[in-house]
Amino acid sequence: MGVNLELDDFGREVLEAQVRDGGSYGAVMRRAARYYLADRGSGRVAWRPPRFVRREYPRVCAVTDVELDEETMEALEEEARRHGMAADRLAEHALLYFVADLDSGRA
């Protein structure tokens, strides 16, 4: 099971930097998704995907078919349904949420 990440230049750079620090695209995305999903009850404003992420819009570049384990994928799909959005778009938000927390020292 996998997600199709459609990232702009910033998102692509963020993902590539995480991969360079060790791991595969799948490992980085599993970690980001699990971190994001575990923070569900935190009440943080940044946790909820912004409206523009919920809509489909063209991206600059794409990283396709990032493999996730079944448990993580199902959890992402379930959460995405709660937000009324595609799991792929929620995965993109989860990646940025996770990396922002890494950068701030929160994660």
PDB file of N, CA and C in Angstrom:
ATOM      1  N   MET A   1       0.853  -1.177   0.000  1.00  0.00           N
ATOM      2  CA  MET A   1       0.000   0.000   0.000  1.00  0.00           C
ATOM      3  C   MET A   1       0.894   1.234   0.000  1.00  0.00           C
ATOM      4  N   GLY A   2       0.427   2.261  -0.653  1.00  0.00           N
ATOM      5  CA  GLY A   2       1.257   3.441  -0.716  1.00  0.00           C
ATOM      6  C   GLY A   2       0.469   4.707  -0.949  1.00  0.00           C
ATOM      7  N   VAL A   3       1.178   5.811  -0.833  1.00  0.00           N
ATOM      8  CA  VAL A   3       0.594   7.120  -1.098  1.00  0.00           C
ATOM      9  C   VAL A   3       1.321   7.755  -2.266  1.00  0.00           C
ATOM     10  N   ASN A   4       0.606   8.588  -2.990  1.00  0.00           N
ATOM     11  CA  ASN A   4       1.167   9.341  -4.086  1.00  0.00           C
ATOM     12  C   ASN A   4       1.352  10.768  -3.603  1.00  0.00           C
ATOM     13  N   LEU A   5       2.570  11.116  -3.272  1.00  0.00           N
ATOM     14  CA  LEU A   5       2.861  12.455  -2.765  1.00  0.00           C
ATOM     15  C   LEU A   5       3.093  13.392  -3.933  1.00  0.00           C
ATOM     16  N   GLU A   6       2.365  14.465  -3.956  1.00  0.00           N
ATOM     17  CA  GLU A   6       2.560  15.515  -4.951  1.00  0.00           C
ATOM     18  C   GLU A   6       3.035  16.743  -4.192  1.00  0.00           C
ATOM     19  N   LEU A   7       4.318  17.002  -4.279  1.00  0.00           N
ATOM     20  CA  LEU A   7       4.936  18.038  -3.453  1.00  0.00           C
ATOM     21  C   LEU A   7       5.450  19.191  -4.297  1.00  0.00           C
ATOM     22  N   ASP A   8       5.358  20.390  -3.736  1.00  0.00           N
ATOM     23  CA  ASP A   8       5.999  21.536  -4.377  1.00  0.00           C
ATOM     24  C   ASP A   8       7.503  21.447  -4.086  1.00  0.00           C
ATOM     25  N   ASP A   9       8.256  22.418  -4.539  1.00  0.00           N
ATOM     26  CA  ASP A   9       9.709  22.379  -4.367  1.00  0.00           C
ATOM     27  C   ASP A   9      10.106  22.299  -2.890  1.00  0.00           C
ATOM     28  N   PHE A  10       9.439  23.067  -2.046  1.00  0.00           N
ATOM     29  CA  PHE A  10       9.755  23.043  -0.616  1.00  0.00           C
ATOM     30  C   PHE A  10       9.496  21.657  -0.028  1.00  0.00           C
ATOM     31  N   GLY A  11       8.338  21.100  -0.305  1.00  0.00           N
ATOM     32  CA  GLY A  11       8.006  19.775   0.211  1.00  0.00           C
ATOM     33  C   GLY A  11       8.968  18.709  -0.267  1.00  0.00           C
ATOM     34  N   ARG A  12       9.358  18.790  -1.529  1.00  0.00           N
ATOM     35  CA  ARG A  12      10.312  17.835  -2.089  1.00  0.00           C
ATOM     36  C   ARG A  12      11.657  17.955  -1.385  1.00  0.00           C
ATOM     37  N   GLU A  13      12.115  19.196  -1.158  1.00  0.00           N
ATOM     38  CA  GLU A  13      13.390  19.416  -0.476  1.00  0.00           C
ATOM     39  C   GLU A  13      13.350  18.878   0.952  1.00  0.00           C
ATOM     40  N   VAL A  14      12.231  19.081   1.623  1.00  0.00           N
ATOM     41  CA  VAL A  14      12.066  18.597   2.994  1.00  0.00           C
ATOM     42  C   VAL A  14      12.160  17.071   3.024  1.00  0.00           C
ATOM     43  N   LEU A  15      11.453  16.426   2.121  1.00  0.00           N
ATOM     44  CA  LEU A  15      11.475  14.965   2.071  1.00  0.00           C
ATOM     45  C   LEU A  15      12.871  14.458   1.724  1.00  0.00           C
ATOM     46  N   GLU A  16      13.494  15.051   0.735  1.00  0.00           N
ATOM     47  CA  GLU A  16      14.841  14.632   0.340  1.00  0.00           C
ATOM     48  C   GLU A  16      15.838  14.797   1.493  1.00  0.00           C
ATOM     49  N   ALA A  17      15.725  15.878   2.243  1.00  0.00           N
ATOM     50  CA  ALA A  17      16.620  16.100   3.382  1.00  0.00           C
ATOM     51  C   ALA A  17      16.443  15.014   4.433  1.00  0.00           C
ATOM     52  N   GLN A  18      15.213  14.618   4.680  1.00  0.00           N
ATOM     53  CA  GLN A  18      14.959  13.554   5.649  1.00  0.00           C
ATOM     54  C   GLN A  18      15.510  12.223   5.164  1.00  0.00           C
ATOM     55  N   VAL A  19      15.392  11.960   3.876  1.00  0.00           N
ATOM     56  CA  VAL A  19      15.925  10.717   3.312  1.00  0.00           C
ATOM     57  C   VAL A  19      17.449  10.718   3.407  1.00  0.00           C
ATOM     58  N   ARG A  20      18.074  11.858   3.139  1.00  0.00           N
ATOM     59  CA  ARG A  20      19.542  11.959   3.246  1.00  0.00           C
ATOM     60  C   ARG A  20      20.009  11.706   4.670  1.00  0.00           C
ATOM     61  N   ASP A  21      19.195  12.089   5.640  1.00  0.00           N
ATOM     62  CA  ASP A  21      19.568  11.893   7.053  1.00  0.00           C
ATOM     63  C   ASP A  21      19.454  10.433   7.474  1.00  0.00           C
ATOM     64  N   GLY A  22      18.952   9.601   6.602  1.00  0.00           N
ATOM     65  CA  GLY A  22      18.891   8.170   6.884  1.00  0.00           C
ATOM     66  C   GLY A  22      17.506   7.613   6.668  1.00  0.00           C
ATOM     67  N   GLY A  23      17.416   6.662   5.777  1.00  0.00           N
ATOM     68  CA  GLY A  23      16.138   6.007   5.553  1.00  0.00           C
ATOM     69  C   GLY A  23      15.650   6.164   4.132  1.00  0.00           C
ATOM     70  N   SER A  24      14.577   5.507   3.881  1.00  0.00           N
ATOM     71  CA  SER A  24      13.938   5.533   2.577  1.00  0.00           C
ATOM     72  C   SER A  24      12.754   6.488   2.621  1.00  0.00           C
ATOM     73  N   TYR A  25      12.167   6.735   1.449  1.00  0.00           N
ATOM     74  CA  TYR A  25      10.949   7.546   1.413  1.00  0.00           C
ATOM     75  C   TYR A  25       9.883   6.916   2.314  1.00  0.00           C
ATOM     76  N   GLY A  26       9.734   5.609   2.204  1.00  0.00           N
ATOM     77  CA  GLY A  26       8.728   4.915   3.010  1.00  0.00           C
ATOM     78  C   GLY A  26       8.969   5.057   4.501  1.00  0.00           C
ATOM     79  N   ALA A  27      10.227   4.919   4.913  1.00  0.00           N
ATOM     80  CA  ALA A  27      10.549   5.030   6.343  1.00  0.00           C
ATOM     81  C   ALA A  27      10.255   6.433   6.860  1.00  0.00           C
ATOM     82  N   VAL A  28      10.619   7.437   6.070  1.00  0.00           N
ATOM     83  CA  VAL A  28      10.359   8.829   6.476  1.00  0.00           C
ATOM     84  C   VAL A  28       8.855   9.065   6.572  1.00  0.00           C
ATOM     85  N   MET A  29       8.102   8.616   5.577  1.00  0.00           N
ATOM     86  CA  MET A  29       6.657   8.841   5.580  1.00  0.00           C
ATOM     87  C   MET A  29       5.956   8.056   6.681  1.00  0.00           C
ATOM     88  N   ARG A  30       6.396   6.842   6.965  1.00  0.00           N
ATOM     89  CA  ARG A  30       5.807   6.084   8.081  1.00  0.00           C
ATOM     90  C   ARG A  30       6.009   6.834   9.386  1.00  0.00           C
ATOM     91  N   ARG A  31       7.224   7.305   9.587  1.00  0.00           N
ATOM     92  CA  ARG A  31       7.525   8.045  10.818  1.00  0.00           C
ATOM     93  C   ARG A  31       6.691   9.325  10.902  1.00  0.00           C
ATOM     94  N   ALA A  32       6.606  10.065   9.793  1.00  0.00           N
ATOM     95  CA  ALA A  32       5.828  11.309   9.774  1.00  0.00           C
ATOM     96  C   ALA A  32       4.351  11.033  10.025  1.00  0.00           C
ATOM     97  N   ALA A  33       3.804  10.021   9.369  1.00  0.00           N
ATOM     98  CA  ALA A  33       2.383   9.693   9.525  1.00  0.00           C
ATOM     99  C   ALA A  33       2.083   9.249  10.948  1.00  0.00           C
ATOM    100  N   ARG A  34       2.911   8.402  11.491  1.00  0.00           N
ATOM    101  CA  ARG A  34       2.680   7.921  12.864  1.00  0.00           C
ATOM    102  C   ARG A  34       2.806   9.061  13.870  1.00  0.00           C
ATOM    103  N   TYR A  35       3.769   9.934  13.661  1.00  0.00           N
ATOM    104  CA  TYR A  35       3.931  11.089  14.547  1.00  0.00           C
ATOM    105  C   TYR A  35       2.685  11.969  14.491  1.00  0.00           C
ATOM    106  N   TYR A  36       2.254  12.274  13.283  1.00  0.00           N
ATOM    107  CA  TYR A  36       1.078  13.118  13.092  1.00  0.00           C
ATOM    108  C   TYR A  36      -0.164  12.480  13.722  1.00  0.00           C
ATOM    109  N   LEU A  37      -0.399  11.222  13.441  1.00  0.00           N
ATOM    110  CA  LEU A  37      -1.594  10.551  13.965  1.00  0.00           C
ATOM    111  C   LEU A  37      -1.558  10.435  15.493  1.00  0.00           C
ATOM    112  N   ALA A  38      -0.394  10.243  16.056  1.00  0.00           N
ATOM    113  CA  ALA A  38      -0.268  10.140  17.512  1.00  0.00           C
ATOM    114  C   ALA A  38      -0.562  11.468  18.204  1.00  0.00           C
ATOM    115  N   ASP A  39      -0.451  12.563  17.474  1.00  0.00           N
ATOM    116  CA  ASP A  39      -0.655  13.900  18.043  1.00  0.00           C
ATOM    117  C   ASP A  39      -2.110  14.359  17.918  1.00  0.00           C
ATOM    118  N   ARG A  40      -2.983  13.467  17.503  1.00  0.00           N
ATOM    119  CA  ARG A  40      -4.379  13.819  17.213  1.00  0.00           C
ATOM    120  C   ARG A  40      -5.075  14.580  18.343  1.00  0.00           C
ATOM    121  N   GLY A  41      -4.947  14.160  19.547  1.00  0.00           N
ATOM    122  CA  GLY A  41      -5.642  14.792  20.661  1.00  0.00           C
ATOM    123  C   GLY A  41      -4.922  15.968  21.282  1.00  0.00           C
ATOM    124  N   SER A  42      -3.880  16.461  20.637  1.00  0.00           N
ATOM    125  CA  SER A  42      -3.059  17.516  21.231  1.00  0.00           C
ATOM    126  C   SER A  42      -3.758  18.871  21.285  1.00  0.00           C
ATOM    127  N   GLY A  43      -4.730  19.080  20.404  1.00  0.00           N
ATOM    128  CA  GLY A  43      -5.416  20.363  20.365  1.00  0.00           C
ATOM    129  C   GLY A  43      -4.635  21.448  19.641  1.00  0.00           C
ATOM    130  N   ARG A  44      -3.528  21.099  19.047  1.00  0.00           N
ATOM    131  CA  ARG A  44      -2.717  22.085  18.331  1.00  0.00           C
ATOM    132  C   ARG A  44      -3.433  22.539  17.065  1.00  0.00           C
ATOM    133  N   VAL A  45      -3.407  23.818  16.825  1.00  0.00           N
ATOM    134  CA  VAL A  45      -4.040  24.380  15.629  1.00  0.00           C
ATOM    135  C   VAL A  45      -3.381  23.819  14.370  1.00  0.00           C
ATOM    136  N   ALA A  46      -2.081  23.660  14.381  1.00  0.00           N
ATOM    137  CA  ALA A  46      -1.349  23.185  13.203  1.00  0.00           C
ATOM    138  C   ALA A  46      -1.688  21.744  12.848  1.00  0.00           C
ATOM    139  N   TRP A  47      -2.280  20.995  13.766  1.00  0.00           N
ATOM    140  CA  TRP A  47      -2.588  19.598  13.487  1.00  0.00           C
ATOM    141  C   TRP A  47      -3.657  19.465  12.405  1.00  0.00           C
ATOM    142  N   ARG A  48      -4.646  20.312  12.449  1.00  0.00           N
ATOM    143  CA  ARG A  48      -5.737  20.231  11.473  1.00  0.00           C
ATOM    144  C   ARG A  48      -5.248  20.720  10.107  1.00  0.00           C
ATOM    145  N   PRO A  49      -5.454  19.917   9.063  1.00  0.00           N
ATOM    146  CA  PRO A  49      -5.002  20.357   7.737  1.00  0.00           C
ATOM    147  C   PRO A  49      -5.719  21.630   7.307  1.00  0.00           C
ATOM    148  N   PRO A  50      -4.996  22.590   6.759  1.00  0.00           N
ATOM    149  CA  PRO A  50      -5.661  23.803   6.273  1.00  0.00           C
ATOM    150  C   PRO A  50      -6.587  23.468   5.106  1.00  0.00           C
ATOM    151  N   ARG A  51      -7.570  24.306   4.886  1.00  0.00           N
ATOM    152  CA  ARG A  51      -8.555  24.059   3.828  1.00  0.00           C
ATOM    153  C   ARG A  51      -7.913  23.874   2.469  1.00  0.00           C
ATOM    154  N   PHE A  52      -6.880  24.650   2.162  1.00  0.00           N
ATOM    155  CA  PHE A  52      -6.289  24.537   0.828  1.00  0.00           C
ATOM    156  C   PHE A  52      -5.642  23.175   0.617  1.00  0.00           C
ATOM    157  N   VAL A  53      -5.215  22.497   1.677  1.00  0.00           N
ATOM    158  CA  VAL A  53      -4.639  21.160   1.542  1.00  0.00           C
ATOM    159  C   VAL A  53      -5.732  20.145   1.222  1.00  0.00           C
ATOM    160  N   ARG A  54      -6.939  20.403   1.649  1.00  0.00           N
ATOM    161  CA  ARG A  54      -8.042  19.470   1.424  1.00  0.00           C
ATOM    162  C   ARG A  54      -8.512  19.466  -0.024  1.00  0.00           C
ATOM    163  N   ARG A  55      -8.244  20.552  -0.740  1.00  0.00           N
ATOM    164  CA  ARG A  55      -8.651  20.640  -2.144  1.00  0.00           C
ATOM    165  C   ARG A  55      -7.537  20.098  -3.025  1.00  0.00           C
ATOM    166  N   GLU A  56      -7.930  19.668  -4.184  1.00  0.00           N
ATOM    167  CA  GLU A  56      -6.948  19.238  -5.178  1.00  0.00           C
ATOM    168  C   GLU A  56      -6.442  20.480  -5.897  1.00  0.00           C
ATOM    169  N   TYR A  57      -5.159  20.600  -6.058  1.00  0.00           N
ATOM    170  CA  TYR A  57      -4.598  21.683  -6.843  1.00  0.00           C
ATOM    171  C   TYR A  57      -3.268  21.199  -7.422  1.00  0.00           C
ATOM    172  N   PRO A  58      -2.860  21.753  -8.539  1.00  0.00           N
ATOM    173  CA  PRO A  58      -1.632  21.275  -9.177  1.00  0.00           C
ATOM    174  C   PRO A  58      -0.398  21.562  -8.337  1.00  0.00           C
ATOM    175  N   ARG A  59       0.527  20.627  -8.335  1.00  0.00           N
ATOM    176  CA  ARG A  59       1.799  20.776  -7.644  1.00  0.00           C
ATOM    177  C   ARG A  59       2.906  20.918  -8.688  1.00  0.00           C
ATOM    178  N   VAL A  60       4.075  21.297  -8.242  1.00  0.00           N
ATOM    179  CA  VAL A  60       5.187  21.519  -9.146  1.00  0.00           C
ATOM    180  C   VAL A  60       5.856  20.205  -9.543  1.00  0.00           C
ATOM    181  N   CYS A  61       6.067  19.308  -8.605  1.00  0.00           N
ATOM    182  CA  CYS A  61       6.736  18.044  -8.902  1.00  0.00           C
ATOM    183  C   CYS A  61       6.101  16.952  -8.060  1.00  0.00           C
ATOM    184  N   ALA A  62       6.448  15.713  -8.357  1.00  0.00           N
ATOM    185  CA  ALA A  62       5.791  14.611  -7.654  1.00  0.00           C
ATOM    186  C   ALA A  62       6.793  13.541  -7.253  1.00  0.00           C
ATOM    187  N   VAL A  63       6.551  12.953  -6.110  1.00  0.00           N
ATOM    188  CA  VAL A  63       7.223  11.736  -5.674  1.00  0.00           C
ATOM    189  C   VAL A  63       6.102  10.717  -5.559  1.00  0.00           C
ATOM    190  N   THR A  64       6.141   9.691  -6.355  1.00  0.00           N
ATOM    191  CA  THR A  64       4.996   8.787  -6.411  1.00  0.00           C
ATOM    192  C   THR A  64       5.242   7.490  -5.659  1.00  0.00           C
ATOM    193  N   ASP A  65       4.156   6.896  -5.289  1.00  0.00           N
ATOM    194  CA  ASP A  65       4.140   5.544  -4.725  1.00  0.00           C
ATOM    195  C   ASP A  65       5.106   5.323  -3.575  1.00  0.00           C
ATOM    196  N   VAL A  66       4.975   6.114  -2.550  1.00  0.00           N
ATOM    197  CA  VAL A  66       5.752   5.885  -1.331  1.00  0.00           C
ATOM    198  C   VAL A  66       5.038   4.795  -0.551  1.00  0.00           C
ATOM    199  N   GLU A  67       5.721   3.702  -0.328  1.00  0.00           N
ATOM    200  CA  GLU A  67       5.119   2.535   0.314  1.00  0.00           C
ATOM    201  C   GLU A  67       4.983   2.733   1.820  1.00  0.00           C
ATOM    202  N   LEU A  68       3.812   2.389   2.320  1.00  0.00           N
ATOM    203  CA  LEU A  68       3.531   2.411   3.758  1.00  0.00           C
ATOM    204  C   LEU A  68       2.996   1.043   4.163  1.00  0.00           C
ATOM    205  N   ASP A  69       3.220   0.675   5.405  1.00  0.00           N
ATOM    206  CA  ASP A  69       2.653  -0.573   5.890  1.00  0.00           C
ATOM    207  C   ASP A  69       1.133  -0.435   5.974  1.00  0.00           C
ATOM    208  N   GLU A  70       0.459  -1.552   5.983  1.00  0.00           N
ATOM    209  CA  GLU A  70      -1.003  -1.565   5.939  1.00  0.00           C
ATOM    210  C   GLU A  70      -1.621  -0.825   7.115  1.00  0.00           C
ATOM    211  N   GLU A  71      -1.088  -1.010   8.302  1.00  0.00           N
ATOM    212  CA  GLU A  71      -1.642  -0.363   9.497  1.00  0.00           C
ATOM    213  C   GLU A  71      -1.563   1.164   9.394  1.00  0.00           C
ATOM    214  N   THR A  72      -0.410   1.678   8.974  1.00  0.00           N
ATOM    215  CA  THR A  72      -0.248   3.122   8.846  1.00  0.00           C
ATOM    216  C   THR A  72      -1.156   3.673   7.755  1.00  0.00           C
ATOM    217  N   MET A  73      -1.220   2.962   6.620  1.00  0.00           N
ATOM    218  CA  MET A  73      -2.058   3.419   5.510  1.00  0.00           C
ATOM    219  C   MET A  73      -3.525   3.459   5.916  1.00  0.00           C
ATOM    220  N   GLU A  74      -3.989   2.429   6.589  1.00  0.00           N
ATOM    221  CA  GLU A  74      -5.389   2.402   7.030  1.00  0.00           C
ATOM    222  C   GLU A  74      -5.681   3.531   8.009  1.00  0.00           C
ATOM    223  N   ALA A  75      -4.747   3.800   8.917  1.00  0.00           N
ATOM    224  CA  ALA A  75      -4.945   4.894   9.875  1.00  0.00           C
ATOM    225  C   ALA A  75      -4.993   6.244   9.159  1.00  0.00           C
ATOM    226  N   LEU A  76      -4.123   6.438   8.174  1.00  0.00           N
ATOM    227  CA  LEU A  76      -4.148   7.680   7.394  1.00  0.00           C
ATOM    228  C   LEU A  76      -5.463   7.817   6.627  1.00  0.00           C
ATOM    229  N   GLU A  77      -5.912   6.729   6.011  1.00  0.00           N
ATOM    230  CA  GLU A  77      -7.165   6.769   5.255  1.00  0.00           C
ATOM    231  C   GLU A  77      -8.350   7.099   6.161  1.00  0.00           C
ATOM    232  N   GLU A  78      -8.371   6.503   7.345  1.00  0.00           N
ATOM    233  CA  GLU A  78      -9.457   6.769   8.287  1.00  0.00           C
ATOM    234  C   GLU A  78      -9.460   8.233   8.724  1.00  0.00           C
ATOM    235  N   GLU A  79      -8.285   8.753   9.044  1.00  0.00           N
ATOM    236  CA  GLU A  79      -8.198  10.157   9.463  1.00  0.00           C
ATOM    237  C   GLU A  79      -8.549  11.078   8.302  1.00  0.00           C
ATOM    238  N   ALA A  80      -8.119  10.738   7.110  1.00  0.00           N
ATOM    239  CA  ALA A  80      -8.431  11.556   5.933  1.00  0.00           C
ATOM    240  C   ALA A  80      -9.937  11.630   5.714  1.00  0.00           C
ATOM    241  N   ARG A  81     -10.632  10.529   5.916  1.00  0.00           N
ATOM    242  CA  ARG A  81     -12.102  10.535   5.789  1.00  0.00           C
ATOM    243  C   ARG A  81     -12.718  11.511   6.789  1.00  0.00           C
ATOM    244  N   ARG A  82     -12.183  11.558   7.998  1.00  0.00           N
ATOM    245  CA  ARG A  82     -12.693  12.495   9.011  1.00  0.00           C
ATOM    246  C   ARG A  82     -12.557  13.945   8.554  1.00  0.00           C
ATOM    247  N   HIS A  83     -11.508  14.207   7.793  1.00  0.00           N
ATOM    248  CA  HIS A  83     -11.246  15.569   7.313  1.00  0.00           C
ATOM    249  C   HIS A  83     -11.876  15.832   5.952  1.00  0.00           C
ATOM    250  N   GLY A  84     -12.453  14.814   5.340  1.00  0.00           N
ATOM    251  CA  GLY A  84     -13.059  14.988   4.021  1.00  0.00           C
ATOM    252  C   GLY A  84     -12.032  15.233   2.930  1.00  0.00           C
ATOM    253  N   MET A  85     -10.930  14.499   2.992  1.00  0.00           N
ATOM    254  CA  MET A  85      -9.863  14.697   2.020  1.00  0.00           C
ATOM    255  C   MET A  85      -9.231  13.362   1.652  1.00  0.00           C
ATOM    256  N   ALA A  86      -8.411  13.374   0.630  1.00  0.00           N
ATOM    257  CA  ALA A  86      -7.702  12.170   0.201  1.00  0.00           C
ATOM    258  C   ALA A  86      -6.554  11.861   1.159  1.00  0.00           C
ATOM    259  N   ALA A  87      -6.284  10.587   1.352  1.00  0.00           N
ATOM    260  CA  ALA A  87      -5.188  10.161   2.225  1.00  0.00           C
ATOM    261  C   ALA A  87      -3.842  10.681   1.722  1.00  0.00           C
ATOM    262  N   ASP A  88      -3.692  10.768   0.408  1.00  0.00           N
ATOM    263  CA  ASP A  88      -2.444  11.291  -0.152  1.00  0.00           C
ATOM    264  C   ASP A  88      -2.186  12.718   0.307  1.00  0.00           C
ATOM    265  N   ARG A  89      -3.236  13.544   0.287  1.00  0.00           N
ATOM    266  CA  ARG A  89      -3.075  14.938   0.707  1.00  0.00           C
ATOM    267  C   ARG A  89      -2.791  15.013   2.208  1.00  0.00           C
ATOM    268  N   LEU A  90      -3.441  14.153   3.004  1.00  0.00           N
ATOM    269  CA  LEU A  90      -3.183  14.156   4.443  1.00  0.00           C
ATOM    270  C   LEU A  90      -1.744  13.723   4.719  1.00  0.00           C
ATOM    271  N   ALA A  91      -1.229  12.786   3.953  1.00  0.00           N
ATOM    272  CA  ALA A  91       0.163  12.350   4.116  1.00  0.00           C
ATOM    273  C   ALA A  91       1.119  13.515   3.868  1.00  0.00           C
ATOM    274  N   GLU A  92       0.820  14.329   2.879  1.00  0.00           N
ATOM    275  CA  GLU A  92       1.648  15.511   2.606  1.00  0.00           C
ATOM    276  C   GLU A  92       1.638  16.459   3.803  1.00  0.00           C
ATOM    277  N   HIS A  93       0.454  16.686   4.357  1.00  0.00           N
ATOM    278  CA  HIS A  93       0.343  17.555   5.533  1.00  0.00           C
ATOM    279  C   HIS A  93       1.100  16.942   6.712  1.00  0.00           C
ATOM    280  N   ALA A  94       0.964  15.642   6.903  1.00  0.00           N
ATOM    281  CA  ALA A  94       1.653  14.962   8.003  1.00  0.00           C
ATOM    282  C   ALA A  94       3.165  15.118   7.885  1.00  0.00           C
ATOM    283  N   LEU A  95       3.677  15.028   6.673  1.00  0.00           N
ATOM    284  CA  LEU A  95       5.118  15.192   6.456  1.00  0.00           C
ATOM    285  C   LEU A  95       5.569  16.584   6.900  1.00  0.00           C
ATOM    286  N   LEU A  96       4.867  17.609   6.467  1.00  0.00           N
ATOM    287  CA  LEU A  96       5.252  18.978   6.821  1.00  0.00           C
ATOM    288  C   LEU A  96       5.076  19.244   8.318  1.00  0.00           C
ATOM    289  N   TYR A  97       4.029  18.704   8.909  1.00  0.00           N
ATOM    290  CA  TYR A  97       3.788  18.833  10.350  1.00  0.00           C
ATOM    291  C   TYR A  97       4.962  18.223  11.125  1.00  0.00           C
ATOM    292  N   PHE A  98       5.339  17.021  10.732  1.00  0.00           N
ATOM    293  CA  PHE A  98       6.426  16.305  11.386  1.00  0.00           C
ATOM    294  C   PHE A  98       7.749  17.059  11.259  1.00  0.00           C
ATOM    295  N   VAL A  99       8.075  17.485  10.053  1.00  0.00           N
ATOM    296  CA  VAL A  99       9.347  18.165   9.817  1.00  0.00           C
ATOM    297  C   VAL A  99       9.396  19.508  10.548  1.00  0.00           C
ATOM    298  N   ALA A 100       8.280  20.207  10.614  1.00  0.00           N
ATOM    299  CA  ALA A 100       8.237  21.469  11.364  1.00  0.00           C
ATOM    300  C   ALA A 100       8.549  21.215  12.831  1.00  0.00           C
ATOM    301  N   ASP A 101       8.008  20.129  13.377  1.00  0.00           N
ATOM    302  CA  ASP A 101       8.290  19.811  14.772  1.00  0.00           C
ATOM    303  C   ASP A 101       9.729  19.353  14.977  1.00  0.00           C
ATOM    304  N   LEU A 102      10.296  18.661  14.003  1.00  0.00           N
ATOM    305  CA  LEU A 102      11.722  18.309  14.083  1.00  0.00           C
ATOM    306  C   LEU A 102      12.563  19.581  14.100  1.00  0.00           C
ATOM    307  N   ASP A 103      12.239  20.500  13.219  1.00  0.00           N
ATOM    308  CA  ASP A 103      13.002  21.738  13.095  1.00  0.00           C
ATOM    309  C   ASP A 103      12.913  22.592  14.361  1.00  0.00           C
ATOM    310  N   SER A 104      11.751  22.599  14.993  1.00  0.00           N
ATOM    311  CA  SER A 104      11.580  23.411  16.198  1.00  0.00           C
ATOM    312  C   SER A 104      12.106  22.738  17.451  1.00  0.00           C
ATOM    313  N   GLY A 105      12.436  21.449  17.353  1.00  0.00           N
ATOM    314  CA  GLY A 105      12.895  20.707  18.522  1.00  0.00           C
ATOM    315  C   GLY A 105      11.781  20.059  19.293  1.00  0.00           C
ATOM    316  N   ARG A 106      10.561  20.214  18.827  1.00  0.00           N
ATOM    317  CA  ARG A 106       9.407  19.625  19.516  1.00  0.00           C
ATOM    318  C   ARG A 106       9.375  18.104  19.357  1.00  0.00           C
ATOM    319  N   ALA A 107       9.821  17.613  18.216  1.00  0.00           N
ATOM    320  CA  ALA A 107       9.820  16.164  17.959  1.00  0.00           C
ATOM    321  C   ALA A 107      11.197  15.597  18.190  1.00  0.00           C
TER     322      ALA A 107
END
